[in-house]
PDB file of N, CA and C in Angstrom:
ATOM      1  N   MET A   1      -0.024 -19.100 -85.596  1.00  0.00           N
ATOM      2  CA  MET A   1       0.270 -19.745 -84.070  1.00  0.00           C
ATOM      3  C   MET A   1       0.560 -21.350 -84.669  1.00  0.00           C
ATOM      4  N   THR A   2      -0.250 -22.117 -85.510  1.00  0.00           N
ATOM      5  CA  THR A   2      -0.483 -23.207 -85.551  1.00  0.00           C
ATOM      6  C   THR A   2       0.859 -23.921 -86.412  1.00  0.00           C
ATOM      7  N   ARG A   3       1.376 -22.750 -87.045  1.00  0.00           N
ATOM      8  CA  ARG A   3       2.685 -23.444 -87.722  1.00  0.00           C
ATOM      9  C   ARG A   3       3.794 -23.239 -87.206  1.00  0.00           C
ATOM     10  N   LEU A   4       4.048 -22.318 -85.809  1.00  0.00           N
ATOM     11  CA  LEU A   4       5.213 -22.270 -85.248  1.00  0.00           C
ATOM     12  C   LEU A   4       5.709 -23.733 -84.569  1.00  0.00           C
ATOM     13  N   ALA A   5       7.031 -23.515 -84.275  1.00  0.00           N
ATOM     14  CA  ALA A   5       7.447 -24.602 -83.477  1.00  0.00           C
ATOM     15  C   ALA A   5       7.262 -24.141 -81.960  1.00  0.00           C
ATOM     16  N   GLU A   6       7.266 -25.177 -80.911  1.00  0.00           N
ATOM     17  CA  GLU A   6       6.940 -24.971 -79.926  1.00  0.00           C
ATOM     18  C   GLU A   6       7.912 -23.928 -79.215  1.00  0.00           C
ATOM     19  N   HIS A   7       9.031 -23.689 -79.225  1.00  0.00           N
ATOM     20  CA  HIS A   7       9.947 -22.788 -78.628  1.00  0.00           C
ATOM     21  C   HIS A   7       9.443 -21.578 -79.215  1.00  0.00           C
ATOM     22  N   GLU A   8       9.040 -21.337 -80.593  1.00  0.00           N
ATOM     23  CA  GLU A   8       8.819 -19.702 -81.152  1.00  0.00           C
ATOM     24  C   GLU A   8       7.649 -19.501 -80.370  1.00  0.00           C
ATOM     25  N   ILE A   9       6.460 -20.338 -80.051  1.00  0.00           N
ATOM     26  CA  ILE A   9       5.301 -19.970 -79.352  1.00  0.00           C
ATOM     27  C   ILE A   9       5.648 -19.630 -77.966  1.00  0.00           C
ATOM     28  N   VAL A  10       6.636 -20.165 -77.231  1.00  0.00           N
ATOM     29  CA  VAL A  10       7.007 -20.013 -75.997  1.00  0.00           C
ATOM     30  C   VAL A  10       7.720 -18.584 -75.906  1.00  0.00           C
ATOM     31  N   GLU A  11       8.631 -18.407 -77.135  1.00  0.00           N
ATOM     32  CA  GLU A  11       9.275 -16.893 -77.140  1.00  0.00           C
ATOM     33  C   GLU A  11       8.393 -15.868 -77.169  1.00  0.00           C
ATOM     34  N   ARG A  12       7.152 -16.152 -77.692  1.00  0.00           N
ATOM     35  CA  ARG A  12       6.152 -15.190 -77.716  1.00  0.00           C
ATOM     36  C   ARG A  12       5.341 -14.961 -76.525  1.00  0.00           C
ATOM     37  N   GLY A  13       5.635 -15.789 -75.760  1.00  0.00           N
ATOM     38  CA  GLY A  13       5.056 -15.060 -74.180  1.00  0.00           C
ATOM     39  C   GLY A  13       3.763 -16.115 -73.976  1.00  0.00           C
ATOM     40  N   ILE A  14       3.688 -17.299 -74.951  1.00  0.00           N
ATOM     41  CA  ILE A  14       2.455 -18.123 -74.562  1.00  0.00           C
ATOM     42  C   ILE A  14       2.730 -19.280 -73.905  1.00  0.00           C
ATOM     43  N   GLY A  15       2.475 -19.768 -72.779  1.00  0.00           N
ATOM     44  CA  GLY A  15       2.965 -21.241 -72.023  1.00  0.00           C
ATOM     45  C   GLY A  15       1.763 -22.008 -72.221  1.00  0.00           C
ATOM     46  N   ARG A  16       2.398 -23.126 -72.389  1.00  0.00           N
ATOM     47  CA  ARG A  16       1.511 -24.327 -72.605  1.00  0.00           C
ATOM     48  C   ARG A  16       1.823 -25.322 -71.504  1.00  0.00           C
ATOM     49  N   LYS A  17       0.762 -25.920 -70.814  1.00  0.00           N
ATOM     50  CA  LYS A  17       0.726 -26.813 -69.644  1.00  0.00           C
ATOM     51  C   LYS A  17       0.340 -28.133 -70.378  1.00  0.00           C
ATOM     52  N   PHE A  18       1.091 -28.970 -70.456  1.00  0.00           N
ATOM     53  CA  PHE A  18       0.658 -30.232 -70.251  1.00  0.00           C
ATOM     54  C   PHE A  18       0.018 -30.953 -69.402  1.00  0.00           C
ATOM     55  N   GLN A  19      -1.135 -32.118 -69.131  1.00  0.00           N
ATOM     56  CA  GLN A  19      -1.356 -32.513 -68.137  1.00  0.00           C
ATOM     57  C   GLN A  19      -0.796 -33.945 -68.110  1.00  0.00           C
ATOM     58  N   VAL A  20      -0.251 -34.362 -66.930  1.00  0.00           N
ATOM     59  CA  VAL A  20       0.434 -35.740 -67.054  1.00  0.00           C
ATOM     60  C   VAL A  20      -0.657 -36.713 -66.561  1.00  0.00           C
ATOM     61  N   PRO A  21      -1.012 -37.709 -67.317  1.00  0.00           N
ATOM     62  CA  PRO A  21      -2.166 -38.680 -67.429  1.00  0.00           C
ATOM     63  C   PRO A  21      -2.061 -39.494 -66.364  1.00  0.00           C
ATOM     64  N   SER A  22      -1.072 -39.346 -65.156  1.00  0.00           N
ATOM     65  CA  SER A  22      -0.790 -40.322 -64.273  1.00  0.00           C
ATOM     66  C   SER A  22      -0.819 -39.700 -63.080  1.00  0.00           C
ATOM     67  N   VAL A  23      -1.594 -38.768 -62.566  1.00  0.00           N
ATOM     68  CA  VAL A  23      -1.748 -38.038 -61.381  1.00  0.00           C
ATOM     69  C   VAL A  23      -2.028 -38.812 -60.357  1.00  0.00           C
ATOM     70  N   PHE A  24      -3.034 -39.917 -60.696  1.00  0.00           N
ATOM     71  CA  PHE A  24      -3.197 -40.711 -59.440  1.00  0.00           C
ATOM     72  C   PHE A  24      -2.815 -42.108 -60.167  1.00  0.00           C
ATOM     73  N   ASN A  25      -1.584 -42.332 -59.343  1.00  0.00           N
ATOM     74  CA  ASN A  25      -0.426 -43.555 -59.861  1.00  0.00           C
ATOM     75  C   ASN A  25      -1.344 -44.844 -59.558  1.00  0.00           C
ATOM     76  N   SER A  26      -2.214 -44.935 -58.547  1.00  0.00           N
ATOM     77  CA  SER A  26      -2.781 -46.101 -58.057  1.00  0.00           C
ATOM     78  C   SER A  26      -4.052 -46.650 -58.770  1.00  0.00           C
ATOM     79  N   ILE A  27      -4.922 -45.746 -59.459  1.00  0.00           N
ATOM     80  CA  ILE A  27      -5.923 -46.265 -60.253  1.00  0.00           C
ATOM     81  C   ILE A  27      -5.787 -46.027 -61.789  1.00  0.00           C
ATOM     82  N   THR A  28      -6.752 -46.803 -62.468  1.00  0.00           N
ATOM     83  CA  THR A  28      -6.728 -46.561 -64.060  1.00  0.00           C
ATOM     84  C   THR A  28      -7.679 -45.364 -64.396  1.00  0.00           C
ATOM     85  N   VAL A  29      -7.236 -45.082 -65.616  1.00  0.00           N
ATOM     86  CA  VAL A  29      -7.866 -43.980 -66.335  1.00  0.00           C
ATOM     87  C   VAL A  29      -9.635 -44.175 -66.006  1.00  0.00           C
ATOM     88  N   LEU A  30     -10.018 -45.322 -66.278  1.00  0.00           N
ATOM     89  CA  LEU A  30     -11.385 -45.449 -65.954  1.00  0.00           C
ATOM     90  C   LEU A  30     -11.826 -45.112 -64.356  1.00  0.00           C
ATOM     91  N   GLU A  31     -11.148 -45.672 -63.767  1.00  0.00           N
ATOM     92  CA  GLU A  31     -11.380 -45.481 -62.226  1.00  0.00           C
ATOM     93  C   GLU A  31     -11.305 -44.320 -61.706  1.00  0.00           C
ATOM     94  N   GLY A  32     -10.428 -43.323 -62.487  1.00  0.00           N
ATOM     95  CA  GLY A  32     -10.402 -41.964 -62.087  1.00  0.00           C
ATOM     96  C   GLY A  32     -11.584 -41.051 -62.682  1.00  0.00           C
ATOM     97  N   ILE A  33     -12.416 -41.414 -63.502  1.00  0.00           N
ATOM     98  CA  ILE A  33     -13.444 -40.845 -64.139  1.00  0.00           C
ATOM     99  C   ILE A  33     -14.394 -39.947 -62.863  1.00  0.00           C
ATOM    100  N   GLY A  34     -14.497 -40.596 -61.885  1.00  0.00           N
ATOM    101  CA  GLY A  34     -15.502 -40.261 -60.913  1.00  0.00           C
ATOM    102  C   GLY A  34     -15.008 -39.387 -59.748  1.00  0.00           C
ATOM    103  N   CYS A  35     -13.293 -39.025 -59.921  1.00  0.00           N
ATOM    104  CA  CYS A  35     -12.699 -38.250 -58.906  1.00  0.00           C
ATOM    105  C   CYS A  35     -13.031 -36.898 -58.613  1.00  0.00           C
ATOM    106  N   PHE A  36     -13.933 -36.218 -59.453  1.00  0.00           N
ATOM    107  CA  PHE A  36     -14.366 -34.858 -59.477  1.00  0.00           C
ATOM    108  C   PHE A  36     -15.815 -34.857 -59.515  1.00  0.00           C
ATOM    109  N   GLU A  37     -16.805 -35.888 -59.433  1.00  0.00           N
ATOM    110  CA  GLU A  37     -17.921 -36.017 -59.497  1.00  0.00           C
ATOM    111  C   GLU A  37     -18.472 -35.219 -58.185  1.00  0.00           C
ATOM    112  N   GLY A  38     -19.469 -34.444 -58.561  1.00  0.00           N
ATOM    113  CA  GLY A  38     -20.190 -33.565 -57.696  1.00  0.00           C
ATOM    114  C   GLY A  38     -19.751 -32.219 -57.891  1.00  0.00           C
ATOM    115  N   TYR A  39     -18.863 -31.642 -58.575  1.00  0.00           N
ATOM    116  CA  TYR A  39     -18.524 -30.417 -58.880  1.00  0.00           C
ATOM    117  C   TYR A  39     -19.449 -30.165 -60.338  1.00  0.00           C
ATOM    118  N   SER A  40     -20.185 -28.792 -60.406  1.00  0.00           N
ATOM    119  CA  SER A  40     -20.831 -28.629 -61.590  1.00  0.00           C
ATOM    120  C   SER A  40     -20.469 -27.229 -62.077  1.00  0.00           C
ATOM    121  N   HIS A  41     -19.384 -26.703 -61.601  1.00  0.00           N
ATOM    122  CA  HIS A  41     -19.181 -25.446 -62.221  1.00  0.00           C
ATOM    123  C   HIS A  41     -17.466 -25.404 -62.374  1.00  0.00           C
ATOM    124  N   GLN A  42     -16.938 -24.521 -63.210  1.00  0.00           N
ATOM    125  CA  GLN A  42     -15.423 -24.257 -63.507  1.00  0.00           C
ATOM    126  C   GLN A  42     -15.202 -22.929 -63.672  1.00  0.00           C
ATOM    127  N   ALA A  43     -14.515 -22.495 -63.268  1.00  0.00           N
ATOM    128  CA  ALA A  43     -13.781 -20.957 -63.137  1.00  0.00           C
ATOM    129  C   ALA A  43     -12.318 -21.169 -63.447  1.00  0.00           C
ATOM    130  N   THR A  44     -11.781 -20.151 -64.309  1.00  0.00           N
ATOM    131  CA  THR A  44     -10.659 -19.999 -64.792  1.00  0.00           C
ATOM    132  C   THR A  44     -10.132 -18.448 -64.703  1.00  0.00           C
ATOM    133  N   LEU A  45      -9.215 -17.965 -64.126  1.00  0.00           N
ATOM    134  CA  LEU A  45      -8.537 -16.940 -64.142  1.00  0.00           C
ATOM    135  C   LEU A  45      -7.166 -16.916 -64.727  1.00  0.00           C
ATOM    136  N   ALA A  46      -6.886 -16.043 -65.794  1.00  0.00           N
ATOM    137  CA  ALA A  46      -5.410 -15.779 -66.117  1.00  0.00           C
ATOM    138  C   ALA A  46      -4.862 -14.304 -65.998  1.00  0.00           C
ATOM    139  N   PHE A  47      -3.788 -14.237 -65.492  1.00  0.00           N
ATOM    140  CA  PHE A  47      -3.226 -13.070 -65.075  1.00  0.00           C
ATOM    141  C   PHE A  47      -1.663 -12.887 -65.857  1.00  0.00           C
ATOM    142  N   PHE A  48      -1.465 -12.041 -66.533  1.00  0.00           N
ATOM    143  CA  PHE A  48      -0.109 -11.907 -67.051  1.00  0.00           C
ATOM    144  C   PHE A  48       0.392 -10.479 -66.600  1.00  0.00           C
ATOM    145  N   TYR A  49       1.573 -10.664 -66.354  1.00  0.00           N
ATOM    146  CA  TYR A  49       2.404  -9.425 -65.937  1.00  0.00           C
ATOM    147  C   TYR A  49       4.191  -9.740 -66.178  1.00  0.00           C
ATOM    148  N   ASP A  50       4.387  -8.739 -66.727  1.00  0.00           N
ATOM    149  CA  ASP A  50       6.048  -8.980 -66.581  1.00  0.00           C
ATOM    150  C   ASP A  50       6.821  -8.933 -65.347  1.00  0.00           C
ATOM    151  N   ASN A  51       6.502  -8.516 -64.077  1.00  0.00           N
ATOM    152  CA  ASN A  51       7.001  -8.738 -63.152  1.00  0.00           C
ATOM    153  C   ASN A  51       6.391  -9.693 -61.986  1.00  0.00           C
ATOM    154  N   LEU A  52       5.797 -10.551 -62.362  1.00  0.00           N
ATOM    155  CA  LEU A  52       5.176 -11.420 -61.577  1.00  0.00           C
ATOM    156  C   LEU A  52       6.035 -12.216 -60.437  1.00  0.00           C
ATOM    157  N   ASN A  53       5.511 -12.154 -59.162  1.00  0.00           N
ATOM    158  CA  ASN A  53       6.700 -12.685 -58.318  1.00  0.00           C
ATOM    159  C   ASN A  53       5.978 -13.992 -57.658  1.00  0.00           C
ATOM    160  N   ASP A  54       7.049 -14.579 -56.933  1.00  0.00           N
ATOM    161  CA  ASP A  54       6.585 -15.962 -56.225  1.00  0.00           C
ATOM    162  C   ASP A  54       5.916 -15.566 -54.925  1.00  0.00           C
ATOM    163  N   GLN A  55       5.968 -14.591 -54.281  1.00  0.00           N
ATOM    164  CA  GLN A  55       5.356 -14.030 -53.023  1.00  0.00           C
ATOM    165  C   GLN A  55       3.789 -14.105 -53.426  1.00  0.00           C
ATOM    166  N   LEU A  56       3.281 -13.683 -54.390  1.00  0.00           N
ATOM    167  CA  LEU A  56       1.947 -13.633 -54.922  1.00  0.00           C
ATOM    168  C   LEU A  56       1.592 -14.907 -55.236  1.00  0.00           C
ATOM    169  N   LEU A  57       2.236 -15.731 -55.873  1.00  0.00           N
ATOM    170  CA  LEU A  57       1.705 -17.204 -56.043  1.00  0.00           C
ATOM    171  C   LEU A  57       1.327 -17.979 -54.802  1.00  0.00           C
ATOM    172  N   GLU A  58       2.397 -17.457 -53.789  1.00  0.00           N
ATOM    173  CA  GLU A  58       2.235 -18.248 -52.742  1.00  0.00           C
ATOM    174  C   GLU A  58       0.852 -17.860 -51.977  1.00  0.00           C
ATOM    175  N   ARG A  59       0.926 -16.429 -51.820  1.00  0.00           N
ATOM    176  CA  ARG A  59      -0.400 -15.770 -51.189  1.00  0.00           C
ATOM    177  C   ARG A  59      -1.754 -16.333 -51.915  1.00  0.00           C
ATOM    178  N   LEU A  60      -1.903 -16.450 -53.172  1.00  0.00           N
ATOM    179  CA  LEU A  60      -3.030 -17.075 -54.090  1.00  0.00           C
ATOM    180  C   LEU A  60      -3.262 -18.312 -53.589  1.00  0.00           C
ATOM    181  N   TYR A  61      -1.990 -19.132 -53.574  1.00  0.00           N
ATOM    182  CA  TYR A  61      -2.093 -20.551 -53.171  1.00  0.00           C
ATOM    183  C   TYR A  61      -2.676 -20.914 -51.647  1.00  0.00           C
ATOM    184  N   ASP A  62      -2.508 -19.760 -50.959  1.00  0.00           N
ATOM    185  CA  ASP A  62      -2.910 -20.026 -49.464  1.00  0.00           C
ATOM    186  C   ASP A  62      -4.117 -19.616 -49.333  1.00  0.00           C
ATOM    187  N   ILE A  63      -4.802 -18.622 -50.033  1.00  0.00           N
ATOM    188  CA  ILE A  63      -5.977 -18.302 -50.194  1.00  0.00           C
ATOM    189  C   ILE A  63      -7.029 -19.196 -50.447  1.00  0.00           C
ATOM    190  N   LEU A  64      -6.524 -20.063 -52.009  1.00  0.00           N
ATOM    191  CA  LEU A  64      -7.508 -21.109 -52.439  1.00  0.00           C
ATOM    192  C   LEU A  64      -7.490 -22.252 -51.640  1.00  0.00           C
ATOM    193  N   LYS A  65      -6.145 -22.586 -50.768  1.00  0.00           N
ATOM    194  CA  LYS A  65      -6.318 -23.615 -49.858  1.00  0.00           C
ATOM    195  C   LYS A  65      -7.249 -23.419 -48.641  1.00  0.00           C
ATOM    196  N   GLU A  66      -7.402 -22.148 -48.367  1.00  0.00           N
ATOM    197  CA  GLU A  66      -8.495 -21.907 -47.186  1.00  0.00           C
ATOM    198  C   GLU A  66      -9.883 -21.903 -47.555  1.00  0.00           C
ATOM    199  N   THR A  67     -10.144 -21.768 -48.858  1.00  0.00           N
ATOM    200  CA  THR A  67     -11.495 -21.725 -49.410  1.00  0.00           C
ATOM    201  C   THR A  67     -12.190 -23.123 -49.474  1.00  0.00           C
ATOM    202  N   CYS A  68     -13.234 -23.086 -48.869  1.00  0.00           N
ATOM    203  CA  CYS A  68     -14.035 -24.283 -48.587  1.00  0.00           C
ATOM    204  C   CYS A  68     -14.732 -24.698 -50.205  1.00  0.00           C
ATOM    205  N   ASP A  69     -14.745 -26.181 -50.185  1.00  0.00           N
ATOM    206  CA  ASP A  69     -15.661 -26.539 -51.242  1.00  0.00           C
ATOM    207  C   ASP A  69     -15.285 -26.428 -52.433  1.00  0.00           C
ATOM    208  N   ILE A  70     -13.907 -26.368 -52.762  1.00  0.00           N
ATOM    209  CA  ILE A  70     -13.312 -26.341 -54.234  1.00  0.00           C
ATOM    210  C   ILE A  70     -12.277 -27.205 -54.048  1.00  0.00           C
ATOM    211  N   GLU A  71     -11.961 -27.471 -55.380  1.00  0.00           N
ATOM    212  CA  GLU A  71     -10.750 -27.901 -55.759  1.00  0.00           C
ATOM    213  C   GLU A  71     -10.028 -27.148 -56.777  1.00  0.00           C
ATOM    214  N   PHE A  72      -8.517 -26.876 -56.615  1.00  0.00           N
ATOM    215  CA  PHE A  72      -8.176 -25.960 -57.529  1.00  0.00           C
ATOM    216  C   PHE A  72      -6.876 -26.476 -58.145  1.00  0.00           C
ATOM    217  N   GLY A  73      -6.156 -25.726 -59.240  1.00  0.00           N
ATOM    218  CA  GLY A  73      -4.932 -25.754 -59.815  1.00  0.00           C
ATOM    219  C   GLY A  73      -4.353 -24.440 -60.088  1.00  0.00           C
ATOM    220  N   LEU A  74      -3.000 -24.194 -59.481  1.00  0.00           N
ATOM    221  CA  LEU A  74      -2.637 -22.947 -59.884  1.00  0.00           C
ATOM    222  C   LEU A  74      -0.882 -23.240 -60.693  1.00  0.00           C
ATOM    223  N   THR A  75      -1.007 -22.781 -61.863  1.00  0.00           N
ATOM    224  CA  THR A  75       0.015 -22.764 -62.539  1.00  0.00           C
ATOM    225  C   THR A  75       0.829 -21.434 -63.266  1.00  0.00           C
ATOM    226  N   LYS A  76       2.070 -21.583 -62.806  1.00  0.00           N
ATOM    227  CA  LYS A  76       3.037 -20.586 -63.333  1.00  0.00           C
ATOM    228  C   LYS A  76       3.294 -20.671 -64.882  1.00  0.00           C
ATOM    229  N   THR A  77       2.923 -19.867 -65.840  1.00  0.00           N
ATOM    230  CA  THR A  77       3.290 -20.045 -67.209  1.00  0.00           C
ATOM    231  C   THR A  77       4.854 -19.984 -67.547  1.00  0.00           C
ATOM    232  N   LYS A  78       4.949 -20.226 -68.689  1.00  0.00           N
ATOM    233  CA  LYS A  78       6.494 -20.129 -69.152  1.00  0.00           C
ATOM    234  C   LYS A  78       7.246 -18.683 -69.013  1.00  0.00           C
ATOM    235  N   LYS A  79       6.152 -17.648 -69.163  1.00  0.00           N
ATOM    236  CA  LYS A  79       6.629 -16.236 -69.349  1.00  0.00           C
ATOM    237  C   LYS A  79       5.447 -15.428 -68.840  1.00  0.00           C
ATOM    238  N   PHE A  80       5.751 -14.568 -67.674  1.00  0.00           N
ATOM    239  CA  PHE A  80       4.945 -13.554 -67.128  1.00  0.00           C
ATOM    240  C   PHE A  80       3.541 -13.987 -66.848  1.00  0.00           C
ATOM    241  N   GLY A  81       3.303 -15.027 -66.517  1.00  0.00           N
ATOM    242  CA  GLY A  81       1.681 -15.475 -66.058  1.00  0.00           C
ATOM    243  C   GLY A  81       1.574 -16.262 -65.195  1.00  0.00           C
ATOM    244  N   LEU A  82       0.222 -16.281 -64.798  1.00  0.00           N
ATOM    245  CA  LEU A  82      -0.454 -17.703 -63.779  1.00  0.00           C
ATOM    246  C   LEU A  82      -1.711 -17.998 -64.577  1.00  0.00           C
ATOM    247  N   LEU A  83      -2.065 -19.118 -64.304  1.00  0.00           N
ATOM    248  CA  LEU A  83      -3.526 -19.689 -64.378  1.00  0.00           C
ATOM    249  C   LEU A  83      -4.047 -20.493 -63.143  1.00  0.00           C
ATOM    250  N   VAL A  84      -5.295 -20.030 -63.001  1.00  0.00           N
ATOM    251  CA  VAL A  84      -5.823 -20.468 -61.728  1.00  0.00           C
ATOM    252  C   VAL A  84      -7.023 -21.289 -62.371  1.00  0.00           C
ATOM    253  N   ARG A  85      -7.394 -22.500 -62.149  1.00  0.00           N
ATOM    254  CA  ARG A  85      -8.322 -23.321 -62.454  1.00  0.00           C
ATOM    255  C   ARG A  85      -9.163 -23.966 -61.117  1.00  0.00           C
ATOM    256  N   ILE A  86     -10.382 -23.655 -61.001  1.00  0.00           N
ATOM    257  CA  ILE A  86     -11.245 -23.978 -60.216  1.00  0.00           C
ATOM    258  C   ILE A  86     -12.505 -24.702 -60.560  1.00  0.00           C
ATOM    259  N   LEU A  87     -12.601 -25.877 -59.633  1.00  0.00           N
ATOM    260  CA  LEU A  87     -13.954 -26.566 -59.623  1.00  0.00           C
ATOM    261  C   LEU A  87     -14.822 -26.086 -58.506  1.00  0.00           C
ATOM    262  N   GLY A  88     -16.014 -25.948 -58.729  1.00  0.00           N
ATOM    263  CA  GLY A  88     -17.072 -25.940 -57.563  1.00  0.00           C
ATOM    264  C   GLY A  88     -18.403 -26.153 -57.827  1.00  0.00           C
ATOM    265  N   THR A  89     -19.304 -25.658 -56.851  1.00  0.00           N
ATOM    266  CA  THR A  89     -20.726 -26.210 -57.063  1.00  0.00           C
ATOM    267  C   THR A  89     -21.667 -25.278 -57.124  1.00  0.00           C
ATOM    268  N   GLY A  90     -21.258 -23.938 -57.334  1.00  0.00           N
ATOM    269  CA  GLY A  90     -22.171 -22.669 -57.593  1.00  0.00           C
ATOM    270  C   GLY A  90     -21.287 -21.814 -58.365  1.00  0.00           C
ATOM    271  N   ALA A  91     -21.765 -21.289 -59.411  1.00  0.00           N
ATOM    272  CA  ALA A  91     -21.617 -19.929 -60.159  1.00  0.00           C
ATOM    273  C   ALA A  91     -21.118 -19.050 -59.450  1.00  0.00           C
ATOM    274  N   ASP A  92     -22.000 -18.399 -58.373  1.00  0.00           N
ATOM    275  CA  ASP A  92     -21.735 -17.469 -57.685  1.00  0.00           C
ATOM    276  C   ASP A  92     -20.747 -17.216 -56.769  1.00  0.00           C
ATOM    277  N   TYR A  93     -20.503 -18.456 -56.014  1.00  0.00           N
ATOM    278  CA  TYR A  93     -19.640 -18.815 -55.136  1.00  0.00           C
ATOM    279  C   TYR A  93     -18.162 -18.706 -55.824  1.00  0.00           C
ATOM    280  N   LEU A  94     -18.006 -19.195 -57.058  1.00  0.00           N
ATOM    281  CA  LEU A  94     -16.792 -19.090 -57.765  1.00  0.00           C
ATOM    282  C   LEU A  94     -16.487 -17.776 -58.201  1.00  0.00           C
ATOM    283  N   VAL A  95     -17.245 -17.123 -58.581  1.00  0.00           N
ATOM    284  CA  VAL A  95     -17.374 -15.424 -58.979  1.00  0.00           C
ATOM    285  C   VAL A  95     -16.685 -14.933 -57.827  1.00  0.00           C
ATOM    286  N   LYS A  96     -17.095 -15.159 -56.697  1.00  0.00           N
ATOM    287  CA  LYS A  96     -16.730 -14.434 -55.296  1.00  0.00           C
ATOM    288  C   LYS A  96     -15.183 -15.016 -55.272  1.00  0.00           C
ATOM    289  N   VAL A  97     -14.805 -16.050 -55.561  1.00  0.00           N
ATOM    290  CA  VAL A  97     -13.333 -16.727 -55.196  1.00  0.00           C
ATOM    291  C   VAL A  97     -12.592 -15.801 -56.079  1.00  0.00           C
ATOM    292  N   LEU A  98     -13.036 -15.646 -57.293  1.00  0.00           N
ATOM    293  CA  LEU A  98     -12.064 -15.127 -58.460  1.00  0.00           C
ATOM    294  C   LEU A  98     -12.138 -13.646 -58.197  1.00  0.00           C
ATOM    295  N   LEU A  99     -13.084 -12.835 -57.438  1.00  0.00           N
ATOM    296  CA  LEU A  99     -13.002 -11.483 -57.310  1.00  0.00           C
ATOM    297  C   LEU A  99     -12.240 -11.454 -56.001  1.00  0.00           C
ATOM    298  N   ASP A 100     -11.862 -12.350 -55.047  1.00  0.00           N
ATOM    299  CA  ASP A 100     -11.125 -12.442 -53.975  1.00  0.00           C
ATOM    300  C   ASP A 100      -9.501 -12.226 -54.425  1.00  0.00           C
ATOM    301  N   LEU A 101      -9.251 -13.263 -55.454  1.00  0.00           N
ATOM    302  CA  LEU A 101      -8.115 -13.453 -55.859  1.00  0.00           C
ATOM    303  C   LEU A 101      -7.745 -12.161 -56.971  1.00  0.00           C
ATOM    304  N   LYS A 102      -8.523 -11.522 -57.707  1.00  0.00           N
ATOM    305  CA  LYS A 102      -8.382 -10.477 -58.319  1.00  0.00           C
ATOM    306  C   LYS A 102      -8.068  -9.253 -57.362  1.00  0.00           C
ATOM    307  N   GLN A 103      -8.799  -9.323 -56.259  1.00  0.00           N
ATOM    308  CA  GLN A 103      -8.635  -8.244 -55.220  1.00  0.00           C
ATOM    309  C   GLN A 103      -6.851  -8.311 -54.724  1.00  0.00           C
ATOM    310  N   GLU A 104      -6.611  -9.316 -54.271  1.00  0.00           N
ATOM    311  CA  GLU A 104      -5.274  -9.770 -53.727  1.00  0.00           C
ATOM    312  C   GLU A 104      -4.159  -9.488 -54.781  1.00  0.00           C
ATOM    313  N   ILE A 105      -4.517  -9.830 -56.177  1.00  0.00           N
ATOM    314  CA  ILE A 105      -3.613  -9.417 -57.161  1.00  0.00           C
ATOM    315  C   ILE A 105      -3.316  -7.804 -57.500  1.00  0.00           C
ATOM    316  N   TYR A 106      -4.398  -7.198 -57.277  1.00  0.00           N
ATOM    317  CA  TYR A 106      -4.379  -5.675 -57.682  1.00  0.00           C
ATOM    318  C   TYR A 106      -3.655  -5.114 -56.504  1.00  0.00           C
ATOM    319  N   SER A 107      -3.941  -5.494 -55.089  1.00  0.00           N
ATOM    320  CA  SER A 107      -3.307  -5.043 -53.954  1.00  0.00           C
ATOM    321  C   SER A 107      -1.668  -5.113 -54.080  1.00  0.00           C
ATOM    322  N   ALA A 108      -1.311  -6.331 -54.577  1.00  0.00           N
ATOM    323  CA  ALA A 108       0.164  -6.676 -54.543  1.00  0.00           C
ATOM    324  C   ALA A 108       0.904  -5.878 -55.654  1.00  0.00           C
ATOM    325  N   TYR A 109       0.162  -5.088 -56.575  1.00  0.00           N
ATOM    326  CA  TYR A 109       0.854  -4.340 -57.459  1.00  0.00           C
ATOM    327  C   TYR A 109       0.083  -2.829 -57.442  1.00  0.00           C
TER     328      TYR A 109
END
């Protein structure tokens, strides 16, 4: 994979998401270091399916938005997938959130 061109990697179904370093335009990089202070745990869910629909993405977003005490990001990959990244303060709580998302995905398909 490391020898393939970017478009060849994407054609194989692997999406890459690059972060924009200017998410917080009004602060410098050093000032932004403490933005997520207090979060001690991180969780990631990757789901790939060739018939992924936007209604599921919207539902997962709504579930995460209603969940207390987390910060999250939801990314649709270039081909057939989604990534969910969550910051929280406890492993057990994040596992429960991931299980809730898994159940929602399974019930959609």
